[in-house]
Amino acid sequence: GIDVEVVQRPRVKGFQPLPKRWVI
């Protein structure tokens, strides 16, 4: 009963923080 969503990396060059990944 848990929706597991994989957070994809953006397709832009350079450093781009992933808001949901940044928490962990």
PDBML (XML) file of the C-alpha atoms, coordinates in Angstrom:
<?xml version="1.0" encoding="UTF-8" ?>
<PDBx:datablock datablockName="MODEL"
   xmlns:PDBx="http://pdbml.pdb.org/schema/pdbx-v50.xsd"
   xmlns:xsi="http://www.w3.org/2001/XMLSchema-instance"
   xsi:schemaLocation="http://pdbml.pdb.org/schema/pdbx-v50.xsd pdbx-v50.xsd">
   <PDBx:atom_siteCategory>
      <PDBx:atom_site id="1">
         <PDBx:B_iso_or_equiv>0.00</PDBx:B_iso_or_equiv>
         <PDBx:Cartn_x>0.000</PDBx:Cartn_x>
         <PDBx:Cartn_y>0.000</PDBx:Cartn_y>
         <PDBx:Cartn_z>0.000</PDBx:Cartn_z>
         <PDBx:auth_asym_id>A</PDBx:auth_asym_id>
         <PDBx:auth_atom_id>CA</PDBx:auth_atom_id>
         <PDBx:auth_comp_id>GLY</PDBx:auth_comp_id>
         <PDBx:auth_seq_id>1</PDBx:auth_seq_id>
         <PDBx:group_PDB>ATOM</PDBx:group_PDB>
         <PDBx:label_alt_id xsi:nil="true" />
         <PDBx:label_asym_id>A</PDBx:label_asym_id>
         <PDBx:label_atom_id>CA</PDBx:label_atom_id>
         <PDBx:label_comp_id>GLY</PDBx:label_comp_id>
         <PDBx:label_entity_id>1</PDBx:label_entity_id>
         <PDBx:label_seq_id>1</PDBx:label_seq_id>
         <PDBx:occupancy>1.00</PDBx:occupancy>
         <PDBx:pdbx_PDB_model_num>1</PDBx:pdbx_PDB_model_num>
         <PDBx:type_symbol>C</PDBx:type_symbol>
      </PDBx:atom_site>
      <PDBx:atom_site id="2">
         <PDBx:B_iso_or_equiv>0.00</PDBx:B_iso_or_equiv>
         <PDBx:Cartn_x>2.997</PDBx:Cartn_x>
         <PDBx:Cartn_y>2.310</PDBx:Cartn_y>
         <PDBx:Cartn_z>-0.459</PDBx:Cartn_z>
         <PDBx:auth_asym_id>A</PDBx:auth_asym_id>
         <PDBx:auth_atom_id>CA</PDBx:auth_atom_id>
         <PDBx:auth_comp_id>ILE</PDBx:auth_comp_id>
         <PDBx:auth_seq_id>2</PDBx:auth_seq_id>
         <PDBx:group_PDB>ATOM</PDBx:group_PDB>
         <PDBx:label_alt_id xsi:nil="true" />
         <PDBx:label_asym_id>A</PDBx:label_asym_id>
         <PDBx:label_atom_id>CA</PDBx:label_atom_id>
         <PDBx:label_comp_id>ILE</PDBx:label_comp_id>
         <PDBx:label_entity_id>1</PDBx:label_entity_id>
         <PDBx:label_seq_id>2</PDBx:label_seq_id>
         <PDBx:occupancy>1.00</PDBx:occupancy>
         <PDBx:pdbx_PDB_model_num>1</PDBx:pdbx_PDB_model_num>
         <PDBx:type_symbol>C</PDBx:type_symbol>
      </PDBx:atom_site>
      <PDBx:atom_site id="3">
         <PDBx:B_iso_or_equiv>0.00</PDBx:B_iso_or_equiv>
         <PDBx:Cartn_x>3.571</PDBx:Cartn_x>
         <PDBx:Cartn_y>4.210</PDBx:Cartn_y>
         <PDBx:Cartn_z>-3.695</PDBx:Cartn_z>
         <PDBx:auth_asym_id>A</PDBx:auth_asym_id>
         <PDBx:auth_atom_id>CA</PDBx:auth_atom_id>
         <PDBx:auth_comp_id>ASP</PDBx:auth_comp_id>
         <PDBx:auth_seq_id>3</PDBx:auth_seq_id>
         <PDBx:group_PDB>ATOM</PDBx:group_PDB>
         <PDBx:label_alt_id xsi:nil="true" />
         <PDBx:label_asym_id>A</PDBx:label_asym_id>
         <PDBx:label_atom_id>CA</PDBx:label_atom_id>
         <PDBx:label_comp_id>ASP</PDBx:label_comp_id>
         <PDBx:label_entity_id>1</PDBx:label_entity_id>
         <PDBx:label_seq_id>3</PDBx:label_seq_id>
         <PDBx:occupancy>1.00</PDBx:occupancy>
         <PDBx:pdbx_PDB_model_num>1</PDBx:pdbx_PDB_model_num>
         <PDBx:type_symbol>C</PDBx:type_symbol>
      </PDBx:atom_site>
      <PDBx:atom_site id="4">
         <PDBx:B_iso_or_equiv>0.00</PDBx:B_iso_or_equiv>
         <PDBx:Cartn_x>7.342</PDBx:Cartn_x>
         <PDBx:Cartn_y>4.144</PDBx:Cartn_y>
         <PDBx:Cartn_z>-4.337</PDBx:Cartn_z>
         <PDBx:auth_asym_id>A</PDBx:auth_asym_id>
         <PDBx:auth_atom_id>CA</PDBx:auth_atom_id>
         <PDBx:auth_comp_id>VAL</PDBx:auth_comp_id>
         <PDBx:auth_seq_id>4</PDBx:auth_seq_id>
         <PDBx:group_PDB>ATOM</PDBx:group_PDB>
         <PDBx:label_alt_id xsi:nil="true" />
         <PDBx:label_asym_id>A</PDBx:label_asym_id>
         <PDBx:label_atom_id>CA</PDBx:label_atom_id>
         <PDBx:label_comp_id>VAL</PDBx:label_comp_id>
         <PDBx:label_entity_id>1</PDBx:label_entity_id>
         <PDBx:label_seq_id>4</PDBx:label_seq_id>
         <PDBx:occupancy>1.00</PDBx:occupancy>
         <PDBx:pdbx_PDB_model_num>1</PDBx:pdbx_PDB_model_num>
         <PDBx:type_symbol>C</PDBx:type_symbol>
      </PDBx:atom_site>
      <PDBx:atom_site id="5">
         <PDBx:B_iso_or_equiv>0.00</PDBx:B_iso_or_equiv>
         <PDBx:Cartn_x>8.330</PDBx:Cartn_x>
         <PDBx:Cartn_y>6.926</PDBx:Cartn_y>
         <PDBx:Cartn_z>-6.727</PDBx:Cartn_z>
         <PDBx:auth_asym_id>A</PDBx:auth_asym_id>
         <PDBx:auth_atom_id>CA</PDBx:auth_atom_id>
         <PDBx:auth_comp_id>GLU</PDBx:auth_comp_id>
         <PDBx:auth_seq_id>5</PDBx:auth_seq_id>
         <PDBx:group_PDB>ATOM</PDBx:group_PDB>
         <PDBx:label_alt_id xsi:nil="true" />
         <PDBx:label_asym_id>A</PDBx:label_asym_id>
         <PDBx:label_atom_id>CA</PDBx:label_atom_id>
         <PDBx:label_comp_id>GLU</PDBx:label_comp_id>
         <PDBx:label_entity_id>1</PDBx:label_entity_id>
         <PDBx:label_seq_id>5</PDBx:label_seq_id>
         <PDBx:occupancy>1.00</PDBx:occupancy>
         <PDBx:pdbx_PDB_model_num>1</PDBx:pdbx_PDB_model_num>
         <PDBx:type_symbol>C</PDBx:type_symbol>
      </PDBx:atom_site>
      <PDBx:atom_site id="6">
         <PDBx:B_iso_or_equiv>0.00</PDBx:B_iso_or_equiv>
         <PDBx:Cartn_x>11.838</PDBx:Cartn_x>
         <PDBx:Cartn_y>7.098</PDBx:Cartn_y>
         <PDBx:Cartn_z>-8.164</PDBx:Cartn_z>
         <PDBx:auth_asym_id>A</PDBx:auth_asym_id>
         <PDBx:auth_atom_id>CA</PDBx:auth_atom_id>
         <PDBx:auth_comp_id>VAL</PDBx:auth_comp_id>
         <PDBx:auth_seq_id>6</PDBx:auth_seq_id>
         <PDBx:group_PDB>ATOM</PDBx:group_PDB>
         <PDBx:label_alt_id xsi:nil="true" />
         <PDBx:label_asym_id>A</PDBx:label_asym_id>
         <PDBx:label_atom_id>CA</PDBx:label_atom_id>
         <PDBx:label_comp_id>VAL</PDBx:label_comp_id>
         <PDBx:label_entity_id>1</PDBx:label_entity_id>
         <PDBx:label_seq_id>6</PDBx:label_seq_id>
         <PDBx:occupancy>1.00</PDBx:occupancy>
         <PDBx:pdbx_PDB_model_num>1</PDBx:pdbx_PDB_model_num>
         <PDBx:type_symbol>C</PDBx:type_symbol>
      </PDBx:atom_site>
      <PDBx:atom_site id="7">
         <PDBx:B_iso_or_equiv>0.00</PDBx:B_iso_or_equiv>
         <PDBx:Cartn_x>13.076</PDBx:Cartn_x>
         <PDBx:Cartn_y>10.710</PDBx:Cartn_y>
         <PDBx:Cartn_z>-8.272</PDBx:Cartn_z>
         <PDBx:auth_asym_id>A</PDBx:auth_asym_id>
         <PDBx:auth_atom_id>CA</PDBx:auth_atom_id>
         <PDBx:auth_comp_id>VAL</PDBx:auth_comp_id>
         <PDBx:auth_seq_id>7</PDBx:auth_seq_id>
         <PDBx:group_PDB>ATOM</PDBx:group_PDB>
         <PDBx:label_alt_id xsi:nil="true" />
         <PDBx:label_asym_id>A</PDBx:label_asym_id>
         <PDBx:label_atom_id>CA</PDBx:label_atom_id>
         <PDBx:label_comp_id>VAL</PDBx:label_comp_id>
         <PDBx:label_entity_id>1</PDBx:label_entity_id>
         <PDBx:label_seq_id>7</PDBx:label_seq_id>
         <PDBx:occupancy>1.00</PDBx:occupancy>
         <PDBx:pdbx_PDB_model_num>1</PDBx:pdbx_PDB_model_num>
         <PDBx:type_symbol>C</PDBx:type_symbol>
      </PDBx:atom_site>
      <PDBx:atom_site id="8">
         <PDBx:B_iso_or_equiv>0.00</PDBx:B_iso_or_equiv>
         <PDBx:Cartn_x>14.706</PDBx:Cartn_x>
         <PDBx:Cartn_y>11.259</PDBx:Cartn_y>
         <PDBx:Cartn_z>-11.656</PDBx:Cartn_z>
         <PDBx:auth_asym_id>A</PDBx:auth_asym_id>
         <PDBx:auth_atom_id>CA</PDBx:auth_atom_id>
         <PDBx:auth_comp_id>GLN</PDBx:auth_comp_id>
         <PDBx:auth_seq_id>8</PDBx:auth_seq_id>
         <PDBx:group_PDB>ATOM</PDBx:group_PDB>
         <PDBx:label_alt_id xsi:nil="true" />
         <PDBx:label_asym_id>A</PDBx:label_asym_id>
         <PDBx:label_atom_id>CA</PDBx:label_atom_id>
         <PDBx:label_comp_id>GLN</PDBx:label_comp_id>
         <PDBx:label_entity_id>1</PDBx:label_entity_id>
         <PDBx:label_seq_id>8</PDBx:label_seq_id>
         <PDBx:occupancy>1.00</PDBx:occupancy>
         <PDBx:pdbx_PDB_model_num>1</PDBx:pdbx_PDB_model_num>
         <PDBx:type_symbol>C</PDBx:type_symbol>
      </PDBx:atom_site>
      <PDBx:atom_site id="9">
         <PDBx:B_iso_or_equiv>0.00</PDBx:B_iso_or_equiv>
         <PDBx:Cartn_x>17.699</PDBx:Cartn_x>
         <PDBx:Cartn_y>13.512</PDBx:Cartn_y>
         <PDBx:Cartn_z>-12.169</PDBx:Cartn_z>
         <PDBx:auth_asym_id>A</PDBx:auth_asym_id>
         <PDBx:auth_atom_id>CA</PDBx:auth_atom_id>
         <PDBx:auth_comp_id>ARG</PDBx:auth_comp_id>
         <PDBx:auth_seq_id>9</PDBx:auth_seq_id>
         <PDBx:group_PDB>ATOM</PDBx:group_PDB>
         <PDBx:label_alt_id xsi:nil="true" />
         <PDBx:label_asym_id>A</PDBx:label_asym_id>
         <PDBx:label_atom_id>CA</PDBx:label_atom_id>
         <PDBx:label_comp_id>ARG</PDBx:label_comp_id>
         <PDBx:label_entity_id>1</PDBx:label_entity_id>
         <PDBx:label_seq_id>9</PDBx:label_seq_id>
         <PDBx:occupancy>1.00</PDBx:occupancy>
         <PDBx:pdbx_PDB_model_num>1</PDBx:pdbx_PDB_model_num>
         <PDBx:type_symbol>C</PDBx:type_symbol>
      </PDBx:atom_site>
      <PDBx:atom_site id="10">
         <PDBx:B_iso_or_equiv>0.00</PDBx:B_iso_or_equiv>
         <PDBx:Cartn_x>17.099</PDBx:Cartn_x>
         <PDBx:Cartn_y>16.591</PDBx:Cartn_y>
         <PDBx:Cartn_z>-14.320</PDBx:Cartn_z>
         <PDBx:auth_asym_id>A</PDBx:auth_asym_id>
         <PDBx:auth_atom_id>CA</PDBx:auth_atom_id>
         <PDBx:auth_comp_id>PRO</PDBx:auth_comp_id>
         <PDBx:auth_seq_id>10</PDBx:auth_seq_id>
         <PDBx:group_PDB>ATOM</PDBx:group_PDB>
         <PDBx:label_alt_id xsi:nil="true" />
         <PDBx:label_asym_id>A</PDBx:label_asym_id>
         <PDBx:label_atom_id>CA</PDBx:label_atom_id>
         <PDBx:label_comp_id>PRO</PDBx:label_comp_id>
         <PDBx:label_entity_id>1</PDBx:label_entity_id>
         <PDBx:label_seq_id>10</PDBx:label_seq_id>
         <PDBx:occupancy>1.00</PDBx:occupancy>
         <PDBx:pdbx_PDB_model_num>1</PDBx:pdbx_PDB_model_num>
         <PDBx:type_symbol>C</PDBx:type_symbol>
      </PDBx:atom_site>
      <PDBx:atom_site id="11">
         <PDBx:B_iso_or_equiv>0.00</PDBx:B_iso_or_equiv>
         <PDBx:Cartn_x>18.564</PDBx:Cartn_x>
         <PDBx:Cartn_y>16.512</PDBx:Cartn_y>
         <PDBx:Cartn_z>-17.820</PDBx:Cartn_z>
         <PDBx:auth_asym_id>A</PDBx:auth_asym_id>
         <PDBx:auth_atom_id>CA</PDBx:auth_atom_id>
         <PDBx:auth_comp_id>ARG</PDBx:auth_comp_id>
         <PDBx:auth_seq_id>11</PDBx:auth_seq_id>
         <PDBx:group_PDB>ATOM</PDBx:group_PDB>
         <PDBx:label_alt_id xsi:nil="true" />
         <PDBx:label_asym_id>A</PDBx:label_asym_id>
         <PDBx:label_atom_id>CA</PDBx:label_atom_id>
         <PDBx:label_comp_id>ARG</PDBx:label_comp_id>
         <PDBx:label_entity_id>1</PDBx:label_entity_id>
         <PDBx:label_seq_id>11</PDBx:label_seq_id>
         <PDBx:occupancy>1.00</PDBx:occupancy>
         <PDBx:pdbx_PDB_model_num>1</PDBx:pdbx_PDB_model_num>
         <PDBx:type_symbol>C</PDBx:type_symbol>
      </PDBx:atom_site>
      <PDBx:atom_site id="12">
         <PDBx:B_iso_or_equiv>0.00</PDBx:B_iso_or_equiv>
         <PDBx:Cartn_x>20.446</PDBx:Cartn_x>
         <PDBx:Cartn_y>19.816</PDBx:Cartn_y>
         <PDBx:Cartn_z>-17.409</PDBx:Cartn_z>
         <PDBx:auth_asym_id>A</PDBx:auth_asym_id>
         <PDBx:auth_atom_id>CA</PDBx:auth_atom_id>
         <PDBx:auth_comp_id>VAL</PDBx:auth_comp_id>
         <PDBx:auth_seq_id>12</PDBx:auth_seq_id>
         <PDBx:group_PDB>ATOM</PDBx:group_PDB>
         <PDBx:label_alt_id xsi:nil="true" />
         <PDBx:label_asym_id>A</PDBx:label_asym_id>
         <PDBx:label_atom_id>CA</PDBx:label_atom_id>
         <PDBx:label_comp_id>VAL</PDBx:label_comp_id>
         <PDBx:label_entity_id>1</PDBx:label_entity_id>
         <PDBx:label_seq_id>12</PDBx:label_seq_id>
         <PDBx:occupancy>1.00</PDBx:occupancy>
         <PDBx:pdbx_PDB_model_num>1</PDBx:pdbx_PDB_model_num>
         <PDBx:type_symbol>C</PDBx:type_symbol>
      </PDBx:atom_site>
      <PDBx:atom_site id="13">
         <PDBx:B_iso_or_equiv>0.00</PDBx:B_iso_or_equiv>
         <PDBx:Cartn_x>24.213</PDBx:Cartn_x>
         <PDBx:Cartn_y>20.167</PDBx:Cartn_y>
         <PDBx:Cartn_z>-17.131</PDBx:Cartn_z>
         <PDBx:auth_asym_id>A</PDBx:auth_asym_id>
         <PDBx:auth_atom_id>CA</PDBx:auth_atom_id>
         <PDBx:auth_comp_id>LYS</PDBx:auth_comp_id>
         <PDBx:auth_seq_id>13</PDBx:auth_seq_id>
         <PDBx:group_PDB>ATOM</PDBx:group_PDB>
         <PDBx:label_alt_id xsi:nil="true" />
         <PDBx:label_asym_id>A</PDBx:label_asym_id>
         <PDBx:label_atom_id>CA</PDBx:label_atom_id>
         <PDBx:label_comp_id>LYS</PDBx:label_comp_id>
         <PDBx:label_entity_id>1</PDBx:label_entity_id>
         <PDBx:label_seq_id>13</PDBx:label_seq_id>
         <PDBx:occupancy>1.00</PDBx:occupancy>
         <PDBx:pdbx_PDB_model_num>1</PDBx:pdbx_PDB_model_num>
         <PDBx:type_symbol>C</PDBx:type_symbol>
      </PDBx:atom_site>
      <PDBx:atom_site id="14">
         <PDBx:B_iso_or_equiv>0.00</PDBx:B_iso_or_equiv>
         <PDBx:Cartn_x>25.877</PDBx:Cartn_x>
         <PDBx:Cartn_y>21.076</PDBx:Cartn_y>
         <PDBx:Cartn_z>-13.861</PDBx:Cartn_z>
         <PDBx:auth_asym_id>A</PDBx:auth_asym_id>
         <PDBx:auth_atom_id>CA</PDBx:auth_atom_id>
         <PDBx:auth_comp_id>GLY</PDBx:auth_comp_id>
         <PDBx:auth_seq_id>14</PDBx:auth_seq_id>
         <PDBx:group_PDB>ATOM</PDBx:group_PDB>
         <PDBx:label_alt_id xsi:nil="true" />
         <PDBx:label_asym_id>A</PDBx:label_asym_id>
         <PDBx:label_atom_id>CA</PDBx:label_atom_id>
         <PDBx:label_comp_id>GLY</PDBx:label_comp_id>
         <PDBx:label_entity_id>1</PDBx:label_entity_id>
         <PDBx:label_seq_id>14</PDBx:label_seq_id>
         <PDBx:occupancy>1.00</PDBx:occupancy>
         <PDBx:pdbx_PDB_model_num>1</PDBx:pdbx_PDB_model_num>
         <PDBx:type_symbol>C</PDBx:type_symbol>
      </PDBx:atom_site>
      <PDBx:atom_site id="15">
         <PDBx:B_iso_or_equiv>0.00</PDBx:B_iso_or_equiv>
         <PDBx:Cartn_x>24.898</PDBx:Cartn_x>
         <PDBx:Cartn_y>20.619</PDBx:Cartn_y>
         <PDBx:Cartn_z>-10.245</PDBx:Cartn_z>
         <PDBx:auth_asym_id>A</PDBx:auth_asym_id>
         <PDBx:auth_atom_id>CA</PDBx:auth_atom_id>
         <PDBx:auth_comp_id>PHE</PDBx:auth_comp_id>
         <PDBx:auth_seq_id>15</PDBx:auth_seq_id>
         <PDBx:group_PDB>ATOM</PDBx:group_PDB>
         <PDBx:label_alt_id xsi:nil="true" />
         <PDBx:label_asym_id>A</PDBx:label_asym_id>
         <PDBx:label_atom_id>CA</PDBx:label_atom_id>
         <PDBx:label_comp_id>PHE</PDBx:label_comp_id>
         <PDBx:label_entity_id>1</PDBx:label_entity_id>
         <PDBx:label_seq_id>15</PDBx:label_seq_id>
         <PDBx:occupancy>1.00</PDBx:occupancy>
         <PDBx:pdbx_PDB_model_num>1</PDBx:pdbx_PDB_model_num>
         <PDBx:type_symbol>C</PDBx:type_symbol>
      </PDBx:atom_site>
      <PDBx:atom_site id="16">
         <PDBx:B_iso_or_equiv>0.00</PDBx:B_iso_or_equiv>
         <PDBx:Cartn_x>21.162</PDBx:Cartn_x>
         <PDBx:Cartn_y>20.528</PDBx:Cartn_y>
         <PDBx:Cartn_z>-9.639</PDBx:Cartn_z>
         <PDBx:auth_asym_id>A</PDBx:auth_asym_id>
         <PDBx:auth_atom_id>CA</PDBx:auth_atom_id>
         <PDBx:auth_comp_id>GLN</PDBx:auth_comp_id>
         <PDBx:auth_seq_id>16</PDBx:auth_seq_id>
         <PDBx:group_PDB>ATOM</PDBx:group_PDB>
         <PDBx:label_alt_id xsi:nil="true" />
         <PDBx:label_asym_id>A</PDBx:label_asym_id>
         <PDBx:label_atom_id>CA</PDBx:label_atom_id>
         <PDBx:label_comp_id>GLN</PDBx:label_comp_id>
         <PDBx:label_entity_id>1</PDBx:label_entity_id>
         <PDBx:label_seq_id>16</PDBx:label_seq_id>
         <PDBx:occupancy>1.00</PDBx:occupancy>
         <PDBx:pdbx_PDB_model_num>1</PDBx:pdbx_PDB_model_num>
         <PDBx:type_symbol>C</PDBx:type_symbol>
      </PDBx:atom_site>
      <PDBx:atom_site id="17">
         <PDBx:B_iso_or_equiv>0.00</PDBx:B_iso_or_equiv>
         <PDBx:Cartn_x>19.997</PDBx:Cartn_x>
         <PDBx:Cartn_y>19.619</PDBx:Cartn_y>
         <PDBx:Cartn_z>-6.113</PDBx:Cartn_z>
         <PDBx:auth_asym_id>A</PDBx:auth_asym_id>
         <PDBx:auth_atom_id>CA</PDBx:auth_atom_id>
         <PDBx:auth_comp_id>PRO</PDBx:auth_comp_id>
         <PDBx:auth_seq_id>17</PDBx:auth_seq_id>
         <PDBx:group_PDB>ATOM</PDBx:group_PDB>
         <PDBx:label_alt_id xsi:nil="true" />
         <PDBx:label_asym_id>A</PDBx:label_asym_id>
         <PDBx:label_atom_id>CA</PDBx:label_atom_id>
         <PDBx:label_comp_id>PRO</PDBx:label_comp_id>
         <PDBx:label_entity_id>1</PDBx:label_entity_id>
         <PDBx:label_seq_id>17</PDBx:label_seq_id>
         <PDBx:occupancy>1.00</PDBx:occupancy>
         <PDBx:pdbx_PDB_model_num>1</PDBx:pdbx_PDB_model_num>
         <PDBx:type_symbol>C</PDBx:type_symbol>
      </PDBx:atom_site>
      <PDBx:atom_site id="18">
         <PDBx:B_iso_or_equiv>0.00</PDBx:B_iso_or_equiv>
         <PDBx:Cartn_x>17.061</PDBx:Cartn_x>
         <PDBx:Cartn_y>17.241</PDBx:Cartn_y>
         <PDBx:Cartn_z>-6.020</PDBx:Cartn_z>
         <PDBx:auth_asym_id>A</PDBx:auth_asym_id>
         <PDBx:auth_atom_id>CA</PDBx:auth_atom_id>
         <PDBx:auth_comp_id>LEU</PDBx:auth_comp_id>
         <PDBx:auth_seq_id>18</PDBx:auth_seq_id>
         <PDBx:group_PDB>ATOM</PDBx:group_PDB>
         <PDBx:label_alt_id xsi:nil="true" />
         <PDBx:label_asym_id>A</PDBx:label_asym_id>
         <PDBx:label_atom_id>CA</PDBx:label_atom_id>
         <PDBx:label_comp_id>LEU</PDBx:label_comp_id>
         <PDBx:label_entity_id>1</PDBx:label_entity_id>
         <PDBx:label_seq_id>18</PDBx:label_seq_id>
         <PDBx:occupancy>1.00</PDBx:occupancy>
         <PDBx:pdbx_PDB_model_num>1</PDBx:pdbx_PDB_model_num>
         <PDBx:type_symbol>C</PDBx:type_symbol>
      </PDBx:atom_site>
      <PDBx:atom_site id="19">
         <PDBx:B_iso_or_equiv>0.00</PDBx:B_iso_or_equiv>
         <PDBx:Cartn_x>14.677</PDBx:Cartn_x>
         <PDBx:Cartn_y>18.632</PDBx:Cartn_y>
         <PDBx:Cartn_z>-3.365</PDBx:Cartn_z>
         <PDBx:auth_asym_id>A</PDBx:auth_asym_id>
         <PDBx:auth_atom_id>CA</PDBx:auth_atom_id>
         <PDBx:auth_comp_id>PRO</PDBx:auth_comp_id>
         <PDBx:auth_seq_id>19</PDBx:auth_seq_id>
         <PDBx:group_PDB>ATOM</PDBx:group_PDB>
         <PDBx:label_alt_id xsi:nil="true" />
         <PDBx:label_asym_id>A</PDBx:label_asym_id>
         <PDBx:label_atom_id>CA</PDBx:label_atom_id>
         <PDBx:label_comp_id>PRO</PDBx:label_comp_id>
         <PDBx:label_entity_id>1</PDBx:label_entity_id>
         <PDBx:label_seq_id>19</PDBx:label_seq_id>
         <PDBx:occupancy>1.00</PDBx:occupancy>
         <PDBx:pdbx_PDB_model_num>1</PDBx:pdbx_PDB_model_num>
         <PDBx:type_symbol>C</PDBx:type_symbol>
      </PDBx:atom_site>
      <PDBx:atom_site id="20">
         <PDBx:B_iso_or_equiv>0.00</PDBx:B_iso_or_equiv>
         <PDBx:Cartn_x>13.280</PDBx:Cartn_x>
         <PDBx:Cartn_y>15.282</PDBx:Cartn_y>
         <PDBx:Cartn_z>-2.226</PDBx:Cartn_z>
         <PDBx:auth_asym_id>A</PDBx:auth_asym_id>
         <PDBx:auth_atom_id>CA</PDBx:auth_atom_id>
         <PDBx:auth_comp_id>LYS</PDBx:auth_comp_id>
         <PDBx:auth_seq_id>20</PDBx:auth_seq_id>
         <PDBx:group_PDB>ATOM</PDBx:group_PDB>
         <PDBx:label_alt_id xsi:nil="true" />
         <PDBx:label_asym_id>A</PDBx:label_asym_id>
         <PDBx:label_atom_id>CA</PDBx:label_atom_id>
         <PDBx:label_comp_id>LYS</PDBx:label_comp_id>
         <PDBx:label_entity_id>1</PDBx:label_entity_id>
         <PDBx:label_seq_id>20</PDBx:label_seq_id>
         <PDBx:occupancy>1.00</PDBx:occupancy>
         <PDBx:pdbx_PDB_model_num>1</PDBx:pdbx_PDB_model_num>
         <PDBx:type_symbol>C</PDBx:type_symbol>
      </PDBx:atom_site>
      <PDBx:atom_site id="21">
         <PDBx:B_iso_or_equiv>0.00</PDBx:B_iso_or_equiv>
         <PDBx:Cartn_x>16.682</PDBx:Cartn_x>
         <PDBx:Cartn_y>13.555</PDBx:Cartn_y>
         <PDBx:Cartn_z>-2.332</PDBx:Cartn_z>
         <PDBx:auth_asym_id>A</PDBx:auth_asym_id>
         <PDBx:auth_atom_id>CA</PDBx:auth_atom_id>
         <PDBx:auth_comp_id>ARG</PDBx:auth_comp_id>
         <PDBx:auth_seq_id>21</PDBx:auth_seq_id>
         <PDBx:group_PDB>ATOM</PDBx:group_PDB>
         <PDBx:label_alt_id xsi:nil="true" />
         <PDBx:label_asym_id>A</PDBx:label_asym_id>
         <PDBx:label_atom_id>CA</PDBx:label_atom_id>
         <PDBx:label_comp_id>ARG</PDBx:label_comp_id>
         <PDBx:label_entity_id>1</PDBx:label_entity_id>
         <PDBx:label_seq_id>21</PDBx:label_seq_id>
         <PDBx:occupancy>1.00</PDBx:occupancy>
         <PDBx:pdbx_PDB_model_num>1</PDBx:pdbx_PDB_model_num>
         <PDBx:type_symbol>C</PDBx:type_symbol>
      </PDBx:atom_site>
      <PDBx:atom_site id="22">
         <PDBx:B_iso_or_equiv>0.00</PDBx:B_iso_or_equiv>
         <PDBx:Cartn_x>18.309</PDBx:Cartn_x>
         <PDBx:Cartn_y>16.430</PDBx:Cartn_y>
         <PDBx:Cartn_z>-0.433</PDBx:Cartn_z>
         <PDBx:auth_asym_id>A</PDBx:auth_asym_id>
         <PDBx:auth_atom_id>CA</PDBx:auth_atom_id>
         <PDBx:auth_comp_id>TRP</PDBx:auth_comp_id>
         <PDBx:auth_seq_id>22</PDBx:auth_seq_id>
         <PDBx:group_PDB>ATOM</PDBx:group_PDB>
         <PDBx:label_alt_id xsi:nil="true" />
         <PDBx:label_asym_id>A</PDBx:label_asym_id>
         <PDBx:label_atom_id>CA</PDBx:label_atom_id>
         <PDBx:label_comp_id>TRP</PDBx:label_comp_id>
         <PDBx:label_entity_id>1</PDBx:label_entity_id>
         <PDBx:label_seq_id>22</PDBx:label_seq_id>
         <PDBx:occupancy>1.00</PDBx:occupancy>
         <PDBx:pdbx_PDB_model_num>1</PDBx:pdbx_PDB_model_num>
         <PDBx:type_symbol>C</PDBx:type_symbol>
      </PDBx:atom_site>
      <PDBx:atom_site id="23">
         <PDBx:B_iso_or_equiv>0.00</PDBx:B_iso_or_equiv>
         <PDBx:Cartn_x>16.292</PDBx:Cartn_x>
         <PDBx:Cartn_y>15.549</PDBx:Cartn_y>
         <PDBx:Cartn_z>2.689</PDBx:Cartn_z>
         <PDBx:auth_asym_id>A</PDBx:auth_asym_id>
         <PDBx:auth_atom_id>CA</PDBx:auth_atom_id>
         <PDBx:auth_comp_id>VAL</PDBx:auth_comp_id>
         <PDBx:auth_seq_id>23</PDBx:auth_seq_id>
         <PDBx:group_PDB>ATOM</PDBx:group_PDB>
         <PDBx:label_alt_id xsi:nil="true" />
         <PDBx:label_asym_id>A</PDBx:label_asym_id>
         <PDBx:label_atom_id>CA</PDBx:label_atom_id>
         <PDBx:label_comp_id>VAL</PDBx:label_comp_id>
         <PDBx:label_entity_id>1</PDBx:label_entity_id>
         <PDBx:label_seq_id>23</PDBx:label_seq_id>
         <PDBx:occupancy>1.00</PDBx:occupancy>
         <PDBx:pdbx_PDB_model_num>1</PDBx:pdbx_PDB_model_num>
         <PDBx:type_symbol>C</PDBx:type_symbol>
      </PDBx:atom_site>
      <PDBx:atom_site id="24">
         <PDBx:B_iso_or_equiv>0.00</PDBx:B_iso_or_equiv>
         <PDBx:Cartn_x>18.027</PDBx:Cartn_x>
         <PDBx:Cartn_y>12.180</PDBx:Cartn_y>
         <PDBx:Cartn_z>3.150</PDBx:Cartn_z>
         <PDBx:auth_asym_id>A</PDBx:auth_asym_id>
         <PDBx:auth_atom_id>CA</PDBx:auth_atom_id>
         <PDBx:auth_comp_id>ILE</PDBx:auth_comp_id>
         <PDBx:auth_seq_id>24</PDBx:auth_seq_id>
         <PDBx:group_PDB>ATOM</PDBx:group_PDB>
         <PDBx:label_alt_id xsi:nil="true" />
         <PDBx:label_asym_id>A</PDBx:label_asym_id>
         <PDBx:label_atom_id>CA</PDBx:label_atom_id>
         <PDBx:label_comp_id>ILE</PDBx:label_comp_id>
         <PDBx:label_entity_id>1</PDBx:label_entity_id>
         <PDBx:label_seq_id>24</PDBx:label_seq_id>
         <PDBx:occupancy>1.00</PDBx:occupancy>
         <PDBx:pdbx_PDB_model_num>1</PDBx:pdbx_PDB_model_num>
         <PDBx:type_symbol>C</PDBx:type_symbol>
      </PDBx:atom_site>
   </PDBx:atom_siteCategory>
</PDBx:datablock>
